[in-house]
Amino acid sequence: VVGQVPTPEVGTDYFQEVDNDKLFADVAVWAHTLTSADQLP
């Protein structure tokens, strides 16, 4: 479970922002950024 900048700042080169979906694309069998509470569980 990895952190990300707040959703309004995603894609703005915000402080400490990295593209986790790209970063973990090779190591992960599944990767997803949670953008809505409705996506759980």
PDB file of all heavy atoms in Angstrom:
ATOM      1  N   VAL A   1       0.872  -1.172   0.000  1.00  0.00           N
ATOM      2  CA  VAL A   1       0.000   0.000   0.000  1.00  0.00           C
ATOM      3  C   VAL A   1       0.911   1.224   0.000  1.00  0.00           C
ATOM      4  O   VAL A   1       1.715   1.404   0.920  1.00  0.00           O
ATOM      5  CB  VAL A   1      -0.926   0.006   1.224  1.00  0.00           C
ATOM      6  CG1 VAL A   1      -1.799   1.269   1.209  1.00  0.00           C
ATOM      7  CG2 VAL A   1      -1.791  -1.244   1.249  1.00  0.00           C
ATOM      8  N   VAL A   2       0.812   2.039  -1.033  1.00  0.00           N
ATOM      9  CA  VAL A   2       1.744   3.155  -1.184  1.00  0.00           C
ATOM     10  C   VAL A   2       0.972   4.464  -1.286  1.00  0.00           C
ATOM     11  O   VAL A   2      -0.142   4.523  -1.823  1.00  0.00           O
ATOM     12  CB  VAL A   2       2.654   2.978  -2.417  1.00  0.00           C
ATOM     13  CG1 VAL A   2       3.538   1.757  -2.239  1.00  0.00           C
ATOM     14  CG2 VAL A   2       1.857   2.849  -3.699  1.00  0.00           C
ATOM     15  N   GLY A   3       1.582   5.516  -0.780  1.00  0.00           N
ATOM     16  CA  GLY A   3       0.942   6.821  -0.778  1.00  0.00           C
ATOM     17  C   GLY A   3       1.084   7.550  -2.103  1.00  0.00           C
ATOM     18  O   GLY A   3       1.938   7.237  -2.936  1.00  0.00           O
ATOM     19  N   GLN A   4       0.222   8.544  -2.281  1.00  0.00           N
ATOM     20  CA  GLN A   4       0.260   9.409  -3.452  1.00  0.00           C
ATOM     21  C   GLN A   4      -0.181  10.807  -3.022  1.00  0.00           C
ATOM     22  O   GLN A   4      -0.830  10.982  -1.984  1.00  0.00           O
ATOM     23  CB  GLN A   4      -0.648   8.866  -4.559  1.00  0.00           C
ATOM     24  CG  GLN A   4      -0.649   9.641  -5.863  1.00  0.00           C
ATOM     25  CD  GLN A   4       0.733   9.812  -6.459  1.00  0.00           C
ATOM     26  OE1 GLN A   4       1.510  10.639  -5.973  1.00  0.00           O
ATOM     27  NE2 GLN A   4       1.053   9.031  -7.495  1.00  0.00           N
ATOM     28  N   VAL A   5       0.175  11.799  -3.808  1.00  0.00           N
ATOM     29  CA  VAL A   5      -0.250  13.168  -3.512  1.00  0.00           C
ATOM     30  C   VAL A   5      -1.767  13.246  -3.612  1.00  0.00           C
ATOM     31  O   VAL A   5      -2.412  12.375  -4.204  1.00  0.00           O
ATOM     32  CB  VAL A   5       0.423  14.160  -4.480  1.00  0.00           C
ATOM     33  CG1 VAL A   5       1.939  14.078  -4.355  1.00  0.00           C
ATOM     34  CG2 VAL A   5      -0.018  13.906  -5.923  1.00  0.00           C
ATOM     35  N   PRO A   6      -2.391  14.266  -3.035  1.00  0.00           N
ATOM     36  CA  PRO A   6      -3.848  14.384  -3.137  1.00  0.00           C
ATOM     37  C   PRO A   6      -4.309  14.401  -4.590  1.00  0.00           C
ATOM     38  O   PRO A   6      -3.620  14.904  -5.484  1.00  0.00           O
ATOM     39  CB  PRO A   6      -4.138  15.722  -2.447  1.00  0.00           C
ATOM     40  CG  PRO A   6      -2.985  15.919  -1.504  1.00  0.00           C
ATOM     41  CD  PRO A   6      -1.802  15.331  -2.202  1.00  0.00           C
ATOM     42  N   THR A   7      -5.479  13.864  -4.837  1.00  0.00           N
ATOM     43  CA  THR A   7      -5.957  13.690  -6.212  1.00  0.00           C
ATOM     44  C   THR A   7      -5.986  14.983  -7.026  1.00  0.00           C
ATOM     45  O   THR A   7      -5.692  14.951  -8.234  1.00  0.00           O
ATOM     46  CB  THR A   7      -7.336  13.022  -6.213  1.00  0.00           C
ATOM     47  OG1 THR A   7      -8.210  13.717  -5.304  1.00  0.00           O
ATOM     48  CG2 THR A   7      -7.247  11.570  -5.789  1.00  0.00           C
ATOM     49  N   PRO A   8      -6.327  16.149  -6.451  1.00  0.00           N
ATOM     50  CA  PRO A   8      -6.310  17.362  -7.294  1.00  0.00           C
ATOM     51  C   PRO A   8      -4.909  17.719  -7.799  1.00  0.00           C
ATOM     52  O   PRO A   8      -4.775  18.458  -8.783  1.00  0.00           O
ATOM     53  CB  PRO A   8      -6.848  18.454  -6.360  1.00  0.00           C
ATOM     54  CG  PRO A   8      -7.616  17.739  -5.308  1.00  0.00           C
ATOM     55  CD  PRO A   8      -6.888  16.462  -5.115  1.00  0.00           C
ATOM     56  N   GLU A   9      -3.865  17.187  -7.125  1.00  0.00           N
ATOM     57  CA  GLU A   9      -2.500  17.533  -7.506  1.00  0.00           C
ATOM     58  C   GLU A   9      -1.847  16.497  -8.413  1.00  0.00           C
ATOM     59  O   GLU A   9      -0.721  16.721  -8.899  1.00  0.00           O
ATOM     60  CB  GLU A   9      -1.639  17.701  -6.243  1.00  0.00           C
ATOM     61  CG  GLU A   9      -2.191  18.678  -5.226  1.00  0.00           C
ATOM     62  CD  GLU A   9      -2.260  20.103  -5.750  1.00  0.00           C
ATOM     63  OE1 GLU A   9      -1.622  20.394  -6.784  1.00  0.00           O
ATOM     64  OE2 GLU A   9      -2.955  20.918  -5.132  1.00  0.00           O
ATOM     65  N   VAL A  10      -2.515  15.378  -8.628  1.00  0.00           N
ATOM     66  CA  VAL A  10      -1.923  14.326  -9.452  1.00  0.00           C
ATOM     67  C   VAL A  10      -1.706  14.848 -10.872  1.00  0.00           C
ATOM     68  O   VAL A  10      -2.597  15.440 -11.487  1.00  0.00           O
ATOM     69  CB  VAL A  10      -2.823  13.081  -9.467  1.00  0.00           C
ATOM     70  CG1 VAL A  10      -2.306  12.060 -10.488  1.00  0.00           C
ATOM     71  CG2 VAL A  10      -2.876  12.448  -8.074  1.00  0.00           C
ATOM     72  N   GLY A  11      -0.524  14.646 -11.390  1.00  0.00           N
ATOM     73  CA  GLY A  11      -0.201  15.082 -12.740  1.00  0.00           C
ATOM     74  C   GLY A  11       0.346  16.490 -12.830  1.00  0.00           C
ATOM     75  O   GLY A  11       0.605  16.986 -13.935  1.00  0.00           O
ATOM     76  N   THR A  12       0.554  17.157 -11.670  1.00  0.00           N
ATOM     77  CA  THR A  12       1.037  18.545 -11.688  1.00  0.00           C
ATOM     78  C   THR A  12       2.511  18.663 -11.302  1.00  0.00           C
ATOM     79  O   THR A  12       2.995  19.767 -11.094  1.00  0.00           O
ATOM     80  CB  THR A  12       0.210  19.410 -10.716  1.00  0.00           C
ATOM     81  OG1 THR A  12       0.490  18.993  -9.367  1.00  0.00           O
ATOM     82  CG2 THR A  12      -1.272  19.275 -10.992  1.00  0.00           C
ATOM     83  N   ASP A  13       3.213  17.543 -11.202  1.00  0.00           N
ATOM     84  CA  ASP A  13       4.591  17.528 -10.731  1.00  0.00           C
ATOM     85  C   ASP A  13       4.677  18.131  -9.341  1.00  0.00           C
ATOM     86  O   ASP A  13       5.575  18.900  -9.014  1.00  0.00           O
ATOM     87  CB  ASP A  13       5.513  18.276 -11.697  1.00  0.00           C
ATOM     88  CG  ASP A  13       6.991  17.976 -11.449  1.00  0.00           C
ATOM     89  OD1 ASP A  13       7.277  16.916 -10.863  1.00  0.00           O
ATOM     90  OD2 ASP A  13       7.844  18.803 -11.816  1.00  0.00           O
ATOM     91  N   TYR A  14       3.724  17.758  -8.501  1.00  0.00           N
ATOM     92  CA  TYR A  14       3.630  18.228  -7.120  1.00  0.00           C
ATOM     93  C   TYR A  14       4.814  17.704  -6.305  1.00  0.00           C
ATOM     94  O   TYR A  14       5.481  16.739  -6.691  1.00  0.00           O
ATOM     95  CB  TYR A  14       2.312  17.730  -6.528  1.00  0.00           C
ATOM     96  CG  TYR A  14       1.869  18.393  -5.256  1.00  0.00           C
ATOM     97  CD1 TYR A  14       1.440  19.711  -5.251  1.00  0.00           C
ATOM     98  CD2 TYR A  14       1.842  17.674  -4.057  1.00  0.00           C
ATOM     99  CE1 TYR A  14       0.994  20.308  -4.078  1.00  0.00           C
ATOM    100  CE2 TYR A  14       1.405  18.254  -2.881  1.00  0.00           C
ATOM    101  CZ  TYR A  14       0.983  19.574  -2.893  1.00  0.00           C
ATOM    102  OH  TYR A  14       0.541  20.164  -1.731  1.00  0.00           O
ATOM    103  N   PHE A  15       5.076  18.330  -5.175  1.00  0.00           N
ATOM    104  CA  PHE A  15       6.149  17.910  -4.279  1.00  0.00           C
ATOM    105  C   PHE A  15       6.059  16.416  -3.982  1.00  0.00           C
ATOM    106  O   PHE A  15       5.029  15.921  -3.534  1.00  0.00           O
ATOM    107  CB  PHE A  15       6.073  18.710  -2.979  1.00  0.00           C
ATOM    108  CG  PHE A  15       7.044  18.279  -1.913  1.00  0.00           C
ATOM    109  CD1 PHE A  15       8.405  18.417  -2.101  1.00  0.00           C
ATOM    110  CD2 PHE A  15       6.580  17.728  -0.722  1.00  0.00           C
ATOM    111  CE1 PHE A  15       9.297  18.016  -1.120  1.00  0.00           C
ATOM    112  CE2 PHE A  15       7.468  17.342   0.264  1.00  0.00           C
ATOM    113  CZ  PHE A  15       8.826  17.473   0.070  1.00  0.00           C
ATOM    114  N   GLN A  16       7.134  15.687  -4.253  1.00  0.00           N
ATOM    115  CA  GLN A  16       7.294  14.239  -4.021  1.00  0.00           C
ATOM    116  C   GLN A  16       6.455  13.374  -4.962  1.00  0.00           C
ATOM    117  O   GLN A  16       6.480  12.148  -4.844  1.00  0.00           O
ATOM    118  CB  GLN A  16       6.964  13.856  -2.565  1.00  0.00           C
ATOM    119  CG  GLN A  16       7.963  14.406  -1.549  1.00  0.00           C
ATOM    120  CD  GLN A  16       7.789  13.804  -0.176  1.00  0.00           C
ATOM    121  OE1 GLN A  16       6.669  13.586   0.288  1.00  0.00           O
ATOM    122  NE2 GLN A  16       8.899  13.539   0.492  1.00  0.00           N
ATOM    123  N   GLU A  17       5.758  13.951  -5.907  1.00  0.00           N
ATOM    124  CA  GLU A  17       4.902  13.130  -6.770  1.00  0.00           C
ATOM    125  C   GLU A  17       5.733  12.258  -7.708  1.00  0.00           C
ATOM    126  O   GLU A  17       6.682  12.715  -8.346  1.00  0.00           O
ATOM    127  CB  GLU A  17       3.985  14.018  -7.616  1.00  0.00           C
ATOM    128  CG  GLU A  17       3.048  13.198  -8.506  1.00  0.00           C
ATOM    129  CD  GLU A  17       2.231  14.049  -9.460  1.00  0.00           C
ATOM    130  OE1 GLU A  17       2.447  15.285  -9.491  1.00  0.00           O
ATOM    131  OE2 GLU A  17       1.384  13.478 -10.183  1.00  0.00           O
ATOM    132  N   VAL A  18       5.393  10.986  -7.763  1.00  0.00           N
ATOM    133  CA  VAL A  18       5.884  10.068  -8.790  1.00  0.00           C
ATOM    134  C   VAL A  18       4.682   9.315  -9.342  1.00  0.00           C
ATOM    135  O   VAL A  18       3.647   9.192  -8.682  1.00  0.00           O
ATOM    136  CB  VAL A  18       6.932   9.066  -8.245  1.00  0.00           C
ATOM    137  CG1 VAL A  18       8.167   9.779  -7.733  1.00  0.00           C
ATOM    138  CG2 VAL A  18       6.334   8.171  -7.164  1.00  0.00           C
ATOM    139  N   ASP A  19       4.801   8.818 -10.546  1.00  0.00           N
ATOM    140  CA  ASP A  19       3.716   8.058 -11.175  1.00  0.00           C
ATOM    141  C   ASP A  19       3.830   6.608 -10.710  1.00  0.00           C
ATOM    142  O   ASP A  19       4.580   5.818 -11.265  1.00  0.00           O
ATOM    143  CB  ASP A  19       3.832   8.152 -12.701  1.00  0.00           C
ATOM    144  CG  ASP A  19       2.629   7.555 -13.408  1.00  0.00           C
ATOM    145  OD1 ASP A  19       1.964   6.670 -12.820  1.00  0.00           O
ATOM    146  OD2 ASP A  19       2.353   7.952 -14.558  1.00  0.00           O
ATOM    147  N   ASN A  20       3.082   6.273  -9.674  1.00  0.00           N
ATOM    148  CA  ASN A  20       3.193   4.927  -9.094  1.00  0.00           C
ATOM    149  C   ASN A  20       2.803   3.832 -10.070  1.00  0.00           C
ATOM    150  O   ASN A  20       3.386   2.739 -10.052  1.00  0.00           O
ATOM    151  CB  ASN A  20       2.331   4.819  -7.836  1.00  0.00           C
ATOM    152  CG  ASN A  20       2.955   5.514  -6.652  1.00  0.00           C
ATOM    153  OD1 ASN A  20       4.136   5.855  -6.668  1.00  0.00           O
ATOM    154  ND2 ASN A  20       2.172   5.746  -5.617  1.00  0.00           N
ATOM    155  N   ASP A  21       1.815   4.083 -10.892  1.00  0.00           N
ATOM    156  CA  ASP A  21       1.384   3.038 -11.829  1.00  0.00           C
ATOM    157  C   ASP A  21       2.517   2.688 -12.799  1.00  0.00           C
ATOM    158  O   ASP A  21       2.708   1.522 -13.146  1.00  0.00           O
ATOM    159  CB  ASP A  21       0.135   3.492 -12.590  1.00  0.00           C
ATOM    160  CG  ASP A  21      -1.088   3.562 -11.686  1.00  0.00           C
ATOM    161  OD1 ASP A  21      -1.069   2.914 -10.620  1.00  0.00           O
ATOM    162  OD2 ASP A  21      -2.051   4.267 -12.033  1.00  0.00           O
ATOM    163  N   LYS A  22       3.285   3.700 -13.222  1.00  0.00           N
ATOM    164  CA  LYS A  22       4.447   3.426 -14.067  1.00  0.00           C
ATOM    165  C   LYS A  22       5.595   2.833 -13.247  1.00  0.00           C
ATOM    166  O   LYS A  22       6.281   1.911 -13.685  1.00  0.00           O
ATOM    167  CB  LYS A  22       4.915   4.708 -14.757  1.00  0.00           C
ATOM    168  CG  LYS A  22       4.021   5.180 -15.894  1.00  0.00           C
ATOM    169  CD  LYS A  22       4.618   6.397 -16.582  1.00  0.00           C
ATOM    170  CE  LYS A  22       3.749   6.844 -17.752  1.00  0.00           C
ATOM    171  NZ  LYS A  22       4.312   8.064 -18.418  1.00  0.00           N
ATOM    172  N   LEU A  23       5.809   3.387 -12.058  1.00  0.00           N
ATOM    173  CA  LEU A  23       6.915   2.962 -11.213  1.00  0.00           C
ATOM    174  C   LEU A  23       6.849   1.465 -10.912  1.00  0.00           C
ATOM    175  O   LEU A  23       7.856   0.757 -10.963  1.00  0.00           O
ATOM    176  CB  LEU A  23       6.910   3.754  -9.905  1.00  0.00           C
ATOM    177  CG  LEU A  23       7.967   3.383  -8.874  1.00  0.00           C
ATOM    178  CD1 LEU A  23       9.343   3.772  -9.362  1.00  0.00           C
ATOM    179  CD2 LEU A  23       7.655   4.063  -7.533  1.00  0.00           C
ATOM    180  N   PHE A  24       5.657   0.976 -10.621  1.00  0.00           N
ATOM    181  CA  PHE A  24       5.503  -0.410 -10.196  1.00  0.00           C
ATOM    182  C   PHE A  24       5.038  -1.329 -11.325  1.00  0.00           C
ATOM    183  O   PHE A  24       4.728  -2.495 -11.079  1.00  0.00           O
ATOM    184  CB  PHE A  24       4.522  -0.493  -9.030  1.00  0.00           C
ATOM    185  CG  PHE A  24       5.019   0.168  -7.773  1.00  0.00           C
ATOM    186  CD1 PHE A  24       4.560   1.417  -7.398  1.00  0.00           C
ATOM    187  CD2 PHE A  24       5.970  -0.458  -6.977  1.00  0.00           C
ATOM    188  CE1 PHE A  24       5.018   2.035  -6.248  1.00  0.00           C
ATOM    189  CE2 PHE A  24       6.439   0.146  -5.818  1.00  0.00           C
ATOM    190  CZ  PHE A  24       5.972   1.393  -5.455  1.00  0.00           C
ATOM    191  N   ALA A  25       4.999  -0.829 -12.551  1.00  0.00           N
ATOM    192  CA  ALA A  25       4.449  -1.619 -13.657  1.00  0.00           C
ATOM    193  C   ALA A  25       5.203  -2.926 -13.876  1.00  0.00           C
ATOM    194  O   ALA A  25       4.599  -3.957 -14.192  1.00  0.00           O
ATOM    195  CB  ALA A  25       4.457  -0.789 -14.948  1.00  0.00           C
ATOM    196  N   ASP A  26       6.525  -2.908 -13.706  1.00  0.00           N
ATOM    197  CA  ASP A  26       7.301  -4.123 -13.963  1.00  0.00           C
ATOM    198  C   ASP A  26       7.266  -5.095 -12.795  1.00  0.00           C
ATOM    199  O   ASP A  26       7.260  -6.305 -12.985  1.00  0.00           O
ATOM    200  CB  ASP A  26       8.750  -3.756 -14.285  1.00  0.00           C
ATOM    201  CG  ASP A  26       9.592  -4.973 -14.609  1.00  0.00           C
ATOM    202  OD1 ASP A  26       9.200  -5.721 -15.531  1.00  0.00           O
ATOM    203  OD2 ASP A  26      10.609  -5.198 -13.946  1.00  0.00           O
ATOM    204  N   VAL A  27       7.224  -4.578 -11.558  1.00  0.00           N
ATOM    205  CA  VAL A  27       7.332  -5.453 -10.397  1.00  0.00           C
ATOM    206  C   VAL A  27       5.988  -6.061  -9.993  1.00  0.00           C
ATOM    207  O   VAL A  27       5.948  -7.115  -9.359  1.00  0.00           O
ATOM    208  CB  VAL A  27       7.949  -4.694  -9.202  1.00  0.00           C
ATOM    209  CG1 VAL A  27       6.962  -3.727  -8.583  1.00  0.00           C
ATOM    210  CG2 VAL A  27       8.474  -5.656  -8.147  1.00  0.00           C
ATOM    211  N   ALA A  28       4.885  -5.440 -10.365  1.00  0.00           N
ATOM    212  CA  ALA A  28       3.579  -5.831  -9.842  1.00  0.00           C
ATOM    213  C   ALA A  28       2.789  -6.688 -10.830  1.00  0.00           C
ATOM    214  O   ALA A  28       2.819  -6.452 -12.041  1.00  0.00           O
ATOM    215  CB  ALA A  28       2.767  -4.587  -9.477  1.00  0.00           C
ATOM    216  N   VAL A  29       2.072  -7.663 -10.292  1.00  0.00           N
ATOM    217  CA  VAL A  29       1.107  -8.410 -11.107  1.00  0.00           C
ATOM    218  C   VAL A  29      -0.215  -7.664 -11.173  1.00  0.00           C
ATOM    219  O   VAL A  29      -1.059  -7.959 -12.030  1.00  0.00           O
ATOM    220  CB  VAL A  29       0.876  -9.827 -10.538  1.00  0.00           C
ATOM    221  CG1 VAL A  29       2.162 -10.627 -10.556  1.00  0.00           C
ATOM    222  CG2 VAL A  29       0.288  -9.784  -9.117  1.00  0.00           C
ATOM    223  N   TRP A  30      -0.399  -6.693 -10.292  1.00  0.00           N
ATOM    224  CA  TRP A  30      -1.617  -5.878 -10.264  1.00  0.00           C
ATOM    225  C   TRP A  30      -1.258  -4.558  -9.616  1.00  0.00           C
ATOM    226  O   TRP A  30      -0.582  -4.516  -8.594  1.00  0.00           O
ATOM    227  CB  TRP A  30      -2.694  -6.593  -9.442  1.00  0.00           C
ATOM    228  CG  TRP A  30      -4.013  -5.872  -9.320  1.00  0.00           C
ATOM    229  CD1 TRP A  30      -5.110  -6.029 -10.121  1.00  0.00           C
ATOM    230  CD2 TRP A  30      -4.384  -4.906  -8.319  1.00  0.00           C
ATOM    231  NE1 TRP A  30      -6.139  -5.211  -9.690  1.00  0.00           N
ATOM    232  CE2 TRP A  30      -5.720  -4.514  -8.588  1.00  0.00           C
ATOM    233  CE3 TRP A  30      -3.718  -4.329  -7.250  1.00  0.00           C
ATOM    234  CZ2 TRP A  30      -6.395  -3.593  -7.809  1.00  0.00           C
ATOM    235  CZ3 TRP A  30      -4.388  -3.392  -6.468  1.00  0.00           C
ATOM    236  CH2 TRP A  30      -5.719  -3.036  -6.755  1.00  0.00           C
ATOM    237  N   ALA A  31      -1.663  -3.455 -10.216  1.00  0.00           N
ATOM    238  CA  ALA A  31      -1.415  -2.127  -9.664  1.00  0.00           C
ATOM    239  C   ALA A  31      -2.605  -1.240  -9.968  1.00  0.00           C
ATOM    240  O   ALA A  31      -3.124  -1.238 -11.096  1.00  0.00           O
ATOM    241  CB  ALA A  31      -0.133  -1.528 -10.233  1.00  0.00           C
ATOM    242  N   HIS A  32      -3.032  -0.472  -8.981  1.00  0.00           N
ATOM    243  CA  HIS A  32      -4.216   0.371  -9.161  1.00  0.00           C
ATOM    244  C   HIS A  32      -4.125   1.565  -8.216  1.00  0.00           C
ATOM    245  O   HIS A  32      -3.710   1.436  -7.063  1.00  0.00           O
ATOM    246  CB  HIS A  32      -5.484  -0.432  -8.846  1.00  0.00           C
ATOM    247  CG  HIS A  32      -6.740   0.374  -8.953  1.00  0.00           C
ATOM    248  ND1 HIS A  32      -7.247   0.805 -10.161  1.00  0.00           N
ATOM    249  CD2 HIS A  32      -7.587   0.830  -7.997  1.00  0.00           C
ATOM    250  CE1 HIS A  32      -8.366   1.485  -9.953  1.00  0.00           C
ATOM    251  NE2 HIS A  32      -8.586   1.511  -8.650  1.00  0.00           N
ATOM    252  N   THR A  33      -4.512   2.741  -8.718  1.00  0.00           N
ATOM    253  CA  THR A  33      -4.609   3.935  -7.888  1.00  0.00           C
ATOM    254  C   THR A  33      -6.062   4.149  -7.498  1.00  0.00           C
ATOM    255  O   THR A  33      -6.942   4.269  -8.362  1.00  0.00           O
ATOM    256  CB  THR A  33      -4.079   5.173  -8.635  1.00  0.00           C
ATOM    257  OG1 THR A  33      -2.700   4.993  -8.932  1.00  0.00           O
ATOM    258  CG2 THR A  33      -4.242   6.427  -7.788  1.00  0.00           C
ATOM    259  N   LEU A  34      -6.309   4.165  -6.204  1.00  0.00           N
ATOM    260  CA  LEU A  34      -7.667   4.321  -5.684  1.00  0.00           C
ATOM    261  C   LEU A  34      -8.076   5.790  -5.804  1.00  0.00           C
ATOM    262  O   LEU A  34      -7.427   6.674  -5.240  1.00  0.00           O
ATOM    263  CB  LEU A  34      -7.695   3.887  -4.218  1.00  0.00           C
ATOM    264  CG  LEU A  34      -9.012   3.391  -3.647  1.00  0.00           C
ATOM    265  CD1 LEU A  34      -9.478   2.143  -4.384  1.00  0.00           C
ATOM    266  CD2 LEU A  34      -8.847   3.087  -2.158  1.00  0.00           C
ATOM    267  N   THR A  35      -9.120   6.057  -6.560  1.00  0.00           N
ATOM    268  CA  THR A  35      -9.566   7.434  -6.769  1.00  0.00           C
ATOM    269  C   THR A  35     -10.937   7.718  -6.190  1.00  0.00           C
ATOM    270  O   THR A  35     -11.375   8.864  -6.159  1.00  0.00           O
ATOM    271  CB  THR A  35      -9.593   7.763  -8.273  1.00  0.00           C
ATOM    272  OG1 THR A  35     -10.448   6.830  -8.943  1.00  0.00           O
ATOM    273  CG2 THR A  35      -8.191   7.686  -8.857  1.00  0.00           C
ATOM    274  N   SER A  36     -11.614   6.675  -5.719  1.00  0.00           N
ATOM    275  CA  SER A  36     -12.966   6.846  -5.190  1.00  0.00           C
ATOM    276  C   SER A  36     -13.210   5.820  -4.097  1.00  0.00           C
ATOM    277  O   SER A  36     -12.762   4.664  -4.194  1.00  0.00           O
ATOM    278  CB  SER A  36     -14.000   6.670  -6.299  1.00  0.00           C
ATOM    279  OG  SER A  36     -15.301   6.508  -5.771  1.00  0.00           O
ATOM    280  N   ALA A  37     -13.925   6.197  -3.063  1.00  0.00           N
ATOM    281  CA  ALA A  37     -14.270   5.255  -1.999  1.00  0.00           C
ATOM    282  C   ALA A  37     -15.137   4.119  -2.526  1.00  0.00           C
ATOM    283  O   ALA A  37     -15.132   3.016  -1.977  1.00  0.00           O
ATOM    284  CB  ALA A  37     -14.990   6.000  -0.873  1.00  0.00           C
ATOM    285  N   ASP A  38     -15.884   4.388  -3.587  1.00  0.00           N
ATOM    286  CA  ASP A  38     -16.770   3.359  -4.130  1.00  0.00           C
ATOM    287  C   ASP A  38     -16.004   2.170  -4.723  1.00  0.00           C
ATOM    288  O   ASP A  38     -16.598   1.123  -4.992  1.00  0.00           O
ATOM    289  CB  ASP A  38     -17.665   3.963  -5.222  1.00  0.00           C
ATOM    290  CG  ASP A  38     -18.626   5.002  -4.671  1.00  0.00           C
ATOM    291  OD1 ASP A  38     -18.947   4.923  -3.468  1.00  0.00           O
ATOM    292  OD2 ASP A  38     -19.029   5.895  -5.443  1.00  0.00           O
ATOM    293  N   GLN A  39     -14.704   2.337  -4.942  1.00  0.00           N
ATOM    294  CA  GLN A  39     -13.927   1.236  -5.516  1.00  0.00           C
ATOM    295  C   GLN A  39     -13.590   0.154  -4.488  1.00  0.00           C
ATOM    296  O   GLN A  39     -13.080  -0.901  -4.848  1.00  0.00           O
ATOM    297  CB  GLN A  39     -12.638   1.790  -6.134  1.00  0.00           C
ATOM    298  CG  GLN A  39     -12.896   2.678  -7.340  1.00  0.00           C
ATOM    299  CD  GLN A  39     -11.631   3.336  -7.845  1.00  0.00           C
ATOM    300  OE1 GLN A  39     -10.727   3.661  -7.077  1.00  0.00           O
ATOM    301  NE2 GLN A  39     -11.553   3.532  -9.157  1.00  0.00           N
ATOM    302  N   LEU A  40     -13.860   0.435  -3.231  1.00  0.00           N
ATOM    303  CA  LEU A  40     -13.663  -0.570  -2.187  1.00  0.00           C
ATOM    304  C   LEU A  40     -14.992  -1.229  -1.839  1.00  0.00           C
ATOM    305  O   LEU A  40     -16.041  -0.592  -1.915  1.00  0.00           O
ATOM    306  CB  LEU A  40     -13.071   0.070  -0.932  1.00  0.00           C
ATOM    307  CG  LEU A  40     -11.581   0.433  -0.995  1.00  0.00           C
ATOM    308  CD1 LEU A  40     -11.136   1.030   0.341  1.00  0.00           C
ATOM    309  CD2 LEU A  40     -10.719  -0.775  -1.329  1.00  0.00           C
ATOM    310  N   PRO A  41     -14.965  -2.510  -1.443  1.00  0.00           N
ATOM    311  CA  PRO A  41     -13.781  -3.359  -1.211  1.00  0.00           C
ATOM    312  C   PRO A  41     -13.274  -4.087  -2.469  1.00  0.00           C
ATOM    313  O   PRO A  41     -12.326  -4.844  -2.395  1.00  0.00           O
ATOM    314  CB  PRO A  41     -14.290  -4.360  -0.190  1.00  0.00           C
ATOM    315  CG  PRO A  41     -15.726  -4.548  -0.558  1.00  0.00           C
ATOM    316  CD  PRO A  41     -16.210  -3.187  -1.020  1.00  0.00           C
TER     317      PRO A  41
END
